[in-house]
Protein backbone atom coordinates (compact mmCIF):
# COMPACT_ATOMS: atom_id res chain seq x y z
CA MET A 1 132.15 161.47 100.66
CA ASP A 2 133.30 162.33 97.19
CA GLY A 3 130.27 164.41 96.04
CA SER A 4 128.41 161.82 94.10
CA SER A 5 125.06 160.87 94.20
CA ILE A 6 123.30 157.90 96.23
CA ILE A 7 119.99 157.12 96.26
CA GLN A 8 118.25 153.85 97.85
CA VAL A 9 114.92 152.53 97.44
CA MET A 10 112.94 149.39 98.14
CA LYS A 11 111.58 147.12 95.64
CA ASP A 12 110.32 143.64 97.02
CA ASP A 13 111.97 143.93 99.83
CA THR A 14 115.30 144.06 98.13
CA PRO A 15 117.23 147.50 97.99
CA ILE A 16 117.98 149.22 94.70
CA ILE A 17 121.11 151.46 94.98
CA PHE A 18 121.35 154.17 92.39
CA HIS A 19 124.50 155.71 91.97
CA ASP A 20 125.90 158.57 89.71
CA ASN A 21 127.25 155.55 87.35
CA PHE A 22 125.88 152.23 88.14
CA ILE A 23 122.82 150.92 90.01
CA ILE A 24 123.28 147.49 92.13
CA SER A 25 121.08 145.44 94.25
CA GLU A 26 121.34 143.27 97.27
CA GLU A 27 120.32 140.04 96.40
CA ASN A 28 120.45 137.32 98.93
CA GLY A 29 123.58 139.09 100.77
CA ASN A 30 125.66 139.12 97.54
CA VAL A 31 125.85 142.65 95.80
CA VAL A 32 124.75 142.41 91.99
CA GLU A 33 125.27 145.26 89.36
CA ARG A 34 122.18 145.69 87.55
CA PRO A 35 121.45 146.88 83.86
CA VAL A 36 119.75 149.91 83.39
CA LEU A 37 117.55 151.05 80.66
CA PHE A 38 115.26 154.17 80.66
CA SER A 39 111.89 154.10 78.68
CA SER A 40 108.89 156.04 78.26
CA PHE A 41 105.24 155.99 76.63
CA GLN A 42 105.87 160.00 76.01
CA PRO A 43 107.65 160.88 72.95
CA ASP A 44 109.00 163.93 74.35
CA VAL A 45 110.11 162.41 77.75
CA ALA A 46 112.11 159.66 76.27
CA LEU A 47 113.75 162.57 74.06
CA LEU A 48 114.78 164.25 77.11
CA MET A 49 116.14 161.10 79.08
CA LYS A 50 118.66 160.83 75.73
CA LYS A 51 119.26 164.58 76.18
CA LEU A 52 120.12 164.86 79.20
CA GLN A 53 122.21 161.58 79.63
CA HIS A 54 124.43 159.48 77.47
CA GLN A 55 125.63 156.51 79.65
CA TYR A 56 122.28 154.45 79.77
CA PRO A 57 120.02 152.64 76.71
CA VAL A 58 116.71 155.32 76.20
CA ASN A 59 114.15 153.24 74.63
CA PHE A 60 110.59 154.55 73.59
CA LEU A 61 107.69 152.57 74.97
CA THR A 62 104.71 152.04 72.40
CA ASN A 63 101.49 149.73 72.30
CA GLY A 64 102.28 149.55 68.65
CA GLY A 65 99.06 150.68 67.85
CA ASN A 66 96.30 149.24 69.98
CA GLU A 67 95.27 152.37 70.99
CA THR A 68 95.25 156.07 69.33
CA TYR A 69 96.24 158.77 70.71
CA ASP A 70 96.63 162.68 69.70
CA ASP A 71 100.41 162.41 69.53
CA VAL A 72 100.58 160.31 66.10
CA ARG A 73 104.24 159.26 67.54
CA MET A 74 102.43 156.98 70.01
CA ASN A 75 100.06 155.56 67.69
CA SER A 76 101.95 152.71 65.39
CA LEU A 77 105.12 150.96 65.34
CA GLU A 78 106.15 152.70 62.25
CA GLU A 79 106.11 155.96 64.25
CA ALA A 80 107.99 154.49 66.76
CA LYS A 81 110.75 153.30 64.73
CA ASN A 82 111.04 157.00 63.17
CA LEU A 83 110.95 158.68 66.65
CA ALA A 84 113.62 156.30 67.91
CA ILE A 85 115.92 156.96 64.79
CA SER A 86 115.32 160.84 64.26
CA GLY A 87 115.73 161.19 68.25
CA GLY A 88 118.92 158.90 68.64
CA LEU A 89 117.20 156.70 71.24
CA ASP A 90 118.30 153.40 71.38
CA GLY A 91 115.13 151.14 70.54
CA VAL A 92 111.57 150.51 71.09
CA VAL A 93 109.69 148.61 73.86
CA LEU A 94 107.12 147.24 72.16
CA GLU A 95 103.31 145.57 73.34
CA VAL A 96 103.82 142.27 71.55
CA LYS A 97 100.21 142.23 69.91
CA GLY A 98 101.71 145.11 68.22
CA MET A 99 104.54 143.56 66.29
CA PHE A 100 101.47 141.64 64.49
CA ARG A 101 100.21 144.67 62.89
CA ASN A 102 103.08 145.33 60.67
CA PRO A 103 106.04 142.48 60.86
CA SER A 104 108.21 144.37 58.10
CA VAL A 105 108.73 147.03 60.50
CA VAL A 106 110.39 144.60 63.27
CA ARG A 107 112.64 143.94 60.54
CA GLU A 108 113.35 147.22 59.66
CA ILE A 109 113.75 148.29 63.63
CA LYS A 110 116.50 145.35 63.45
CA GLU A 111 118.22 146.47 60.43
CA SER A 112 118.35 149.95 61.75
CA ASN A 113 120.61 148.47 64.89
CA LEU A 114 117.93 149.45 67.36
CA SER A 115 116.95 147.00 70.10
CA LEU A 116 113.51 146.05 70.02
CA LEU A 117 112.20 144.49 73.35
CA THR A 118 108.51 143.57 73.71
CA TYR A 119 106.24 143.28 76.93
CA GLY A 120 102.67 141.92 77.28
CA LYS A 121 100.94 138.31 77.74
CA GLN A 122 101.67 137.01 74.51
CA ASN A 123 105.18 136.82 75.44
CA ASN A 124 104.40 133.48 77.10
CA VAL A 125 103.21 132.07 73.84
CA PRO A 126 105.99 130.43 72.03
CA GLU A 127 105.01 131.28 68.27
CA ALA A 128 104.83 134.92 69.64
CA VAL A 129 108.25 134.99 70.79
CA HIS A 130 109.92 133.62 67.79
CA VAL A 131 108.76 136.20 65.28
């Protein structure tokens, strides 16, 4: 062996192989390279992931102010944007309802060359997707 690290896990009965510099899965007998993105709801964890490696994008996960936390960086899309910029993160992953609280921040995120991904049930609503 060449000293590289390989870890294999199963997801939905499909093997996922984590190698030092890529992740692949076997689907229907074919090996497919998969995109990798690291993210965390914990600001310090996201910052640490970015500090420890530069190969894969790291995004900060936020519910965009749908709940209140002691750590103010977790309480709004504005704070998530500021954390991503100041911490050199690649973007923000936002619960889609948080987008409607402050749509101007969505524009600021895009203008800052950060990626903006969303999650949540409203991702299935066409009007929400086109904001």
